[in-house]
């Protein structure tokens, strides 16, 4: 699976390159990890067994769709916890993941569902 690539416009890439050239601090990359009974990640404690301590709290988001540009307040609510870059690397090294579109703080973001090995339910979590 490819690493996160943001669908930025040419202007956004130019602005990011200019900011790096000026020495502006880089944005912190975050990765929402879905917490679900259908995953080995059933709680923040289970997540921390893979990643080590996680500073973020567990939060809720609505499931999104690549086809819709507005949040649906009636959409399925999904529990998630944000991890940072090195923690995300540990998850990728040890697990298979599926991208799931979420609405986080009013913005569409990819969340990551960790698949149970041998599970057929993981198709329900594909975006």
N, C-alpha and C. Protein backbone atom coordinates (compact mmCIF):
# COMPACT_ATOMS: atom_id res chain seq x y z
N UNK A 1 0.85 -1.17 0.00
CA UNK A 1 0.00 0.00 0.00
C UNK A 1 0.90 1.24 0.00
N UNK A 2 0.57 2.24 -0.84
CA UNK A 2 1.41 3.43 -0.89
C UNK A 2 1.34 4.23 0.39
N UNK A 3 2.40 4.94 0.67
CA UNK A 3 2.43 5.83 1.82
C UNK A 3 1.45 6.96 1.57
N UNK A 4 1.15 7.70 2.63
CA UNK A 4 0.22 8.82 2.48
C UNK A 4 0.74 9.81 1.46
N UNK A 5 -0.10 10.12 0.52
CA UNK A 5 0.20 11.16 -0.46
C UNK A 5 -1.00 12.08 -0.48
N UNK A 6 -0.76 13.34 -0.29
CA UNK A 6 -1.85 14.28 -0.24
C UNK A 6 -2.16 14.77 -1.65
N UNK A 7 -3.42 14.89 -1.99
CA UNK A 7 -3.80 15.37 -3.32
C UNK A 7 -3.70 16.89 -3.40
N UNK A 8 -2.48 17.40 -3.30
CA UNK A 8 -2.26 18.84 -3.32
C UNK A 8 -2.22 19.36 -4.75
N UNK A 9 -2.58 20.63 -4.88
CA UNK A 9 -2.45 21.30 -6.17
C UNK A 9 -0.99 21.72 -6.35
N UNK A 10 -0.64 22.12 -7.56
CA UNK A 10 0.73 22.59 -7.83
C UNK A 10 1.06 23.79 -6.95
N UNK A 11 0.08 24.66 -6.74
CA UNK A 11 0.31 25.85 -5.91
C UNK A 11 0.59 25.47 -4.46
N UNK A 12 -0.12 24.46 -3.96
CA UNK A 12 0.10 24.02 -2.58
C UNK A 12 1.50 23.40 -2.43
N UNK A 13 1.93 22.62 -3.43
CA UNK A 13 3.28 22.06 -3.38
C UNK A 13 4.32 23.18 -3.41
N UNK A 14 4.11 24.19 -4.27
CA UNK A 14 5.05 25.32 -4.35
C UNK A 14 5.12 26.05 -3.01
N UNK A 15 3.97 26.26 -2.38
CA UNK A 15 3.95 26.94 -1.08
C UNK A 15 4.67 26.10 -0.02
N UNK A 16 4.49 24.79 -0.05
CA UNK A 16 5.17 23.92 0.92
C UNK A 16 6.68 23.94 0.71
N UNK A 17 7.12 23.90 -0.54
CA UNK A 17 8.57 23.96 -0.83
C UNK A 17 9.16 25.30 -0.37
N UNK A 18 8.43 26.39 -0.61
CA UNK A 18 8.90 27.71 -0.19
C UNK A 18 8.99 27.78 1.33
N UNK A 19 8.02 27.21 2.03
CA UNK A 19 8.04 27.21 3.50
C UNK A 19 9.23 26.42 4.01
N UNK A 20 9.54 25.28 3.39
CA UNK A 20 10.71 24.49 3.82
C UNK A 20 12.00 25.25 3.55
N UNK A 21 12.07 25.94 2.41
CA UNK A 21 13.26 26.71 2.08
C UNK A 21 13.48 27.85 3.09
N UNK A 22 12.38 28.42 3.61
CA UNK A 22 12.48 29.48 4.61
C UNK A 22 12.82 28.93 5.99
N UNK A 23 12.68 27.62 6.15
CA UNK A 23 12.94 27.02 7.46
C UNK A 23 11.73 26.99 8.37
N UNK A 24 10.54 27.21 7.79
CA UNK A 24 9.32 27.13 8.60
C UNK A 24 9.20 25.72 9.18
N UNK A 25 8.62 25.59 10.36
CA UNK A 25 8.44 24.25 10.92
C UNK A 25 7.51 23.42 10.03
N UNK A 26 7.85 22.15 9.90
CA UNK A 26 7.02 21.26 9.08
C UNK A 26 5.74 20.92 9.83
N UNK A 27 4.67 20.71 9.09
CA UNK A 27 3.44 20.28 9.77
C UNK A 27 3.63 18.88 10.34
N UNK A 28 3.01 18.64 11.48
CA UNK A 28 3.09 17.33 12.11
C UNK A 28 2.15 16.38 11.37
N UNK A 29 2.68 15.25 10.94
CA UNK A 29 1.85 14.25 10.28
C UNK A 29 1.14 13.42 11.34
N UNK A 30 -0.16 13.27 11.16
CA UNK A 30 -0.94 12.48 12.10
C UNK A 30 -1.71 11.40 11.34
N UNK A 31 -2.00 10.32 12.04
CA UNK A 31 -2.67 9.18 11.43
C UNK A 31 -3.77 8.69 12.36
N UNK A 32 -5.04 8.93 12.01
CA UNK A 32 -6.15 8.42 12.82
C UNK A 32 -6.26 6.90 12.68
N UNK A 33 -6.14 6.18 13.78
CA UNK A 33 -6.24 4.72 13.79
C UNK A 33 -7.61 4.36 14.35
N UNK A 34 -8.36 3.58 13.59
CA UNK A 34 -9.72 3.21 13.99
C UNK A 34 -9.68 2.15 15.09
N UNK A 35 -10.50 2.38 16.09
CA UNK A 35 -10.66 1.44 17.20
C UNK A 35 -12.01 0.74 17.01
N UNK A 36 -11.97 -0.58 16.90
CA UNK A 36 -13.19 -1.33 16.58
C UNK A 36 -13.08 -2.76 17.08
N UNK A 37 -14.22 -3.35 17.41
CA UNK A 37 -14.24 -4.77 17.77
C UNK A 37 -13.93 -5.67 16.57
N UNK A 38 -14.00 -5.12 15.36
CA UNK A 38 -13.69 -5.88 14.15
C UNK A 38 -12.20 -5.85 13.82
N UNK A 39 -11.40 -5.25 14.68
CA UNK A 39 -9.97 -5.07 14.48
C UNK A 39 -9.23 -5.59 15.71
N UNK A 40 -7.93 -5.89 15.58
CA UNK A 40 -7.16 -6.18 16.78
C UNK A 40 -7.00 -4.95 17.68
N UNK A 41 -7.25 -3.76 17.13
CA UNK A 41 -7.18 -2.51 17.90
C UNK A 41 -8.57 -2.25 18.46
N UNK A 42 -8.87 -2.84 19.62
CA UNK A 42 -10.19 -2.72 20.24
C UNK A 42 -10.24 -1.63 21.31
N UNK A 43 -9.08 -1.05 21.63
CA UNK A 43 -9.01 -0.01 22.66
C UNK A 43 -7.70 0.75 22.50
N UNK A 44 -7.60 1.87 23.20
CA UNK A 44 -6.35 2.62 23.19
C UNK A 44 -5.23 1.77 23.77
N UNK A 45 -5.53 0.97 24.79
CA UNK A 45 -4.51 0.10 25.40
C UNK A 45 -3.96 -0.90 24.37
N UNK A 46 -4.83 -1.47 23.53
CA UNK A 46 -4.38 -2.41 22.49
C UNK A 46 -3.52 -1.68 21.47
N UNK A 47 -3.88 -0.45 21.14
CA UNK A 47 -3.08 0.34 20.22
C UNK A 47 -1.69 0.57 20.79
N UNK A 48 -1.62 0.89 22.08
CA UNK A 48 -0.34 1.17 22.73
C UNK A 48 0.53 -0.08 22.85
N UNK A 49 -0.06 -1.27 22.78
CA UNK A 49 0.75 -2.50 22.76
C UNK A 49 1.63 -2.55 21.52
N UNK A 50 1.18 -1.93 20.44
CA UNK A 50 1.95 -1.88 19.20
C UNK A 50 2.85 -0.65 19.15
N UNK A 51 2.30 0.51 19.54
CA UNK A 51 2.98 1.78 19.30
C UNK A 51 3.76 2.33 20.48
N UNK A 52 3.52 1.82 21.67
CA UNK A 52 4.03 2.48 22.86
C UNK A 52 3.04 3.56 23.25
N UNK A 53 3.37 4.41 24.24
CA UNK A 53 2.42 5.41 24.74
C UNK A 53 1.91 6.35 23.64
N UNK A 54 0.61 6.58 23.65
CA UNK A 54 -0.05 7.48 22.71
C UNK A 54 -0.59 8.66 23.52
N UNK A 55 -0.24 9.88 23.13
CA UNK A 55 -0.67 11.05 23.89
C UNK A 55 -2.08 11.50 23.56
N UNK A 56 -2.55 11.20 22.36
CA UNK A 56 -3.90 11.63 21.95
C UNK A 56 -4.97 10.84 22.69
N UNK A 57 -6.11 11.48 22.86
CA UNK A 57 -7.26 10.81 23.46
C UNK A 57 -8.09 10.14 22.37
N UNK A 58 -8.90 9.19 22.77
CA UNK A 58 -9.82 8.54 21.84
C UNK A 58 -10.92 9.55 21.50
N UNK A 59 -11.26 9.63 20.22
CA UNK A 59 -12.28 10.56 19.75
C UNK A 59 -13.24 9.84 18.81
N UNK A 60 -14.28 10.54 18.40
CA UNK A 60 -15.28 10.00 17.48
C UNK A 60 -15.32 10.83 16.21
N UNK A 61 -15.58 10.16 15.09
CA UNK A 61 -15.73 10.85 13.80
C UNK A 61 -16.85 10.17 13.03
N UNK A 62 -17.41 10.91 12.08
CA UNK A 62 -18.37 10.30 11.16
C UNK A 62 -17.60 9.67 10.00
N UNK A 63 -18.09 8.54 9.55
CA UNK A 63 -17.50 7.92 8.36
C UNK A 63 -17.82 8.81 7.17
N UNK A 64 -16.84 8.99 6.30
CA UNK A 64 -17.02 9.83 5.13
C UNK A 64 -17.09 9.01 3.86
N UNK A 65 -17.15 9.73 2.76
CA UNK A 65 -17.19 9.11 1.44
C UNK A 65 -16.37 9.97 0.50
N UNK A 66 -15.63 9.32 -0.38
CA UNK A 66 -14.85 10.06 -1.37
C UNK A 66 -15.77 10.83 -2.31
N UNK A 67 -17.03 10.41 -2.40
CA UNK A 67 -17.97 11.01 -3.33
C UNK A 67 -18.71 12.22 -2.75
N UNK A 68 -18.62 12.44 -1.45
CA UNK A 68 -19.36 13.54 -0.81
C UNK A 68 -18.38 14.55 -0.22
N UNK A 69 -18.71 15.83 -0.42
CA UNK A 69 -17.84 16.90 0.09
C UNK A 69 -18.35 17.53 1.37
N UNK A 70 -19.44 17.00 1.90
CA UNK A 70 -19.96 17.52 3.16
C UNK A 70 -20.16 16.36 4.14
N UNK A 71 -20.01 16.69 5.40
CA UNK A 71 -20.16 15.68 6.45
C UNK A 71 -21.64 15.34 6.62
N UNK A 72 -21.92 14.06 6.74
CA UNK A 72 -23.29 13.58 6.97
C UNK A 72 -23.44 13.28 8.45
N UNK A 73 -24.23 14.10 9.18
CA UNK A 73 -24.37 13.87 10.62
C UNK A 73 -25.06 12.54 10.96
N UNK A 74 -25.68 11.91 9.97
CA UNK A 74 -26.33 10.62 10.19
C UNK A 74 -25.44 9.44 9.82
N UNK A 75 -24.23 9.71 9.36
CA UNK A 75 -23.32 8.63 8.97
C UNK A 75 -22.84 7.87 10.21
N UNK A 76 -22.34 6.68 9.97
CA UNK A 76 -21.81 5.85 11.05
C UNK A 76 -20.74 6.61 11.84
N UNK A 77 -20.80 6.50 13.17
CA UNK A 77 -19.78 7.12 14.02
C UNK A 77 -18.70 6.08 14.29
N UNK A 78 -17.47 6.52 14.16
CA UNK A 78 -16.32 5.63 14.29
C UNK A 78 -15.37 6.18 15.35
N UNK A 79 -14.90 5.31 16.23
CA UNK A 79 -13.95 5.70 17.27
C UNK A 79 -12.53 5.60 16.67
N UNK A 80 -11.70 6.59 17.02
CA UNK A 80 -10.32 6.58 16.52
C UNK A 80 -9.40 7.23 17.54
N UNK A 81 -8.11 7.01 17.34
CA UNK A 81 -7.08 7.64 18.15
C UNK A 81 -5.94 8.02 17.22
N UNK A 82 -5.41 9.20 17.37
CA UNK A 82 -4.36 9.68 16.48
C UNK A 82 -2.99 9.23 16.98
N UNK A 83 -2.19 8.73 16.03
CA UNK A 83 -0.79 8.43 16.31
C UNK A 83 0.07 9.30 15.40
N UNK A 84 1.35 9.39 15.74
CA UNK A 84 2.28 10.20 14.96
C UNK A 84 3.15 9.29 14.08
N UNK A 85 4.02 9.91 13.31
CA UNK A 85 4.79 9.23 12.29
C UNK A 85 5.49 7.94 12.68
N UNK A 86 6.30 7.97 13.74
CA UNK A 86 7.05 6.77 14.13
C UNK A 86 6.10 5.67 14.62
N UNK A 87 5.02 6.06 15.28
CA UNK A 87 4.04 5.08 15.73
C UNK A 87 3.31 4.47 14.53
N UNK A 88 3.02 5.28 13.53
CA UNK A 88 2.40 4.79 12.30
C UNK A 88 3.33 3.78 11.62
N UNK A 89 4.62 4.07 11.61
CA UNK A 89 5.58 3.13 11.02
C UNK A 89 5.52 1.77 11.71
N UNK A 90 5.41 1.76 13.03
CA UNK A 90 5.31 0.50 13.78
C UNK A 90 4.05 -0.28 13.40
N UNK A 91 2.95 0.44 13.24
CA UNK A 91 1.70 -0.22 12.84
C UNK A 91 1.86 -0.84 11.45
N UNK A 92 2.45 -0.09 10.52
CA UNK A 92 2.62 -0.60 9.16
C UNK A 92 3.55 -1.80 9.11
N UNK A 93 4.58 -1.80 9.95
CA UNK A 93 5.52 -2.93 9.98
C UNK A 93 4.86 -4.21 10.46
N UNK A 94 3.88 -4.08 11.36
CA UNK A 94 3.32 -5.26 12.03
C UNK A 94 1.91 -5.62 11.60
N UNK A 95 1.28 -4.80 10.76
CA UNK A 95 -0.14 -4.99 10.48
C UNK A 95 -0.47 -4.69 9.03
N UNK A 96 -1.60 -5.20 8.63
CA UNK A 96 -2.20 -4.83 7.35
C UNK A 96 -3.28 -3.81 7.67
N UNK A 97 -3.37 -2.76 6.86
CA UNK A 97 -4.34 -1.70 7.12
C UNK A 97 -5.21 -1.43 5.90
N UNK A 98 -6.35 -0.81 6.15
CA UNK A 98 -7.25 -0.35 5.09
C UNK A 98 -7.56 1.12 5.35
N UNK A 99 -7.59 1.90 4.27
CA UNK A 99 -7.96 3.31 4.39
C UNK A 99 -9.47 3.44 4.52
N UNK A 100 -9.89 4.33 5.38
CA UNK A 100 -11.30 4.63 5.57
C UNK A 100 -11.43 6.15 5.64
N UNK A 101 -12.35 6.71 4.87
CA UNK A 101 -12.56 8.15 4.89
C UNK A 101 -13.33 8.54 6.15
N UNK A 102 -12.80 9.54 6.87
CA UNK A 102 -13.43 10.05 8.09
C UNK A 102 -13.59 11.56 7.99
N UNK A 103 -14.49 12.09 8.79
CA UNK A 103 -14.59 13.53 8.99
C UNK A 103 -14.01 13.82 10.37
N UNK A 104 -12.84 14.45 10.39
CA UNK A 104 -12.14 14.78 11.64
C UNK A 104 -12.08 16.30 11.75
N UNK A 105 -12.72 16.84 12.78
CA UNK A 105 -12.74 18.29 13.01
C UNK A 105 -13.17 19.06 11.76
N UNK A 106 -14.22 18.56 11.10
CA UNK A 106 -14.77 19.25 9.94
C UNK A 106 -14.01 19.06 8.65
N UNK A 107 -12.99 18.22 8.64
CA UNK A 107 -12.20 17.98 7.43
C UNK A 107 -12.19 16.49 7.10
N UNK A 108 -12.21 16.20 5.78
CA UNK A 108 -12.09 14.82 5.35
C UNK A 108 -10.65 14.37 5.53
N UNK A 109 -10.47 13.24 6.20
CA UNK A 109 -9.14 12.68 6.41
C UNK A 109 -9.23 11.17 6.24
N UNK A 110 -8.10 10.58 5.90
CA UNK A 110 -8.05 9.13 5.88
C UNK A 110 -7.79 8.62 7.28
N UNK A 111 -8.60 7.67 7.70
CA UNK A 111 -8.35 6.92 8.92
C UNK A 111 -7.83 5.56 8.50
N UNK A 112 -7.27 4.85 9.44
CA UNK A 112 -6.66 3.55 9.11
C UNK A 112 -7.24 2.47 10.00
N UNK A 113 -7.80 1.46 9.36
CA UNK A 113 -8.38 0.31 10.02
C UNK A 113 -7.36 -0.82 9.97
N UNK A 114 -6.99 -1.37 11.13
CA UNK A 114 -6.06 -2.49 11.20
C UNK A 114 -6.86 -3.78 11.05
N UNK A 115 -6.47 -4.59 10.08
CA UNK A 115 -7.21 -5.80 9.72
C UNK A 115 -6.82 -6.96 10.63
N UNK A 116 -7.83 -7.72 11.06
CA UNK A 116 -7.57 -8.97 11.76
C UNK A 116 -7.14 -9.99 10.72
N UNK A 117 -6.09 -10.73 10.99
CA UNK A 117 -5.65 -11.75 10.05
C UNK A 117 -6.70 -12.82 9.91
N UNK A 118 -6.99 -13.20 8.66
CA UNK A 118 -7.96 -14.25 8.39
C UNK A 118 -9.40 -13.78 8.44
N UNK A 119 -9.62 -12.47 8.58
CA UNK A 119 -10.98 -11.94 8.69
C UNK A 119 -11.52 -11.61 7.31
N UNK A 120 -12.76 -11.94 7.08
CA UNK A 120 -13.43 -11.55 5.84
C UNK A 120 -14.18 -10.23 6.04
N UNK A 121 -14.30 -9.78 7.29
CA UNK A 121 -15.02 -8.54 7.58
C UNK A 121 -14.27 -7.31 7.13
N UNK A 122 -12.97 -7.46 6.80
CA UNK A 122 -12.19 -6.27 6.48
C UNK A 122 -12.69 -5.60 5.21
N UNK A 123 -13.44 -6.30 4.34
CA UNK A 123 -13.99 -5.67 3.15
C UNK A 123 -14.98 -4.57 3.51
N UNK A 124 -15.63 -4.67 4.67
CA UNK A 124 -16.57 -3.64 5.11
C UNK A 124 -15.86 -2.33 5.42
N UNK A 125 -14.56 -2.36 5.60
CA UNK A 125 -13.81 -1.18 5.99
C UNK A 125 -13.04 -0.56 4.84
N UNK A 126 -13.18 -1.07 3.65
CA UNK A 126 -12.49 -0.48 2.51
C UNK A 126 -13.24 0.77 2.07
N UNK A 127 -12.49 1.80 1.70
CA UNK A 127 -13.13 3.03 1.23
C UNK A 127 -13.52 2.90 -0.21
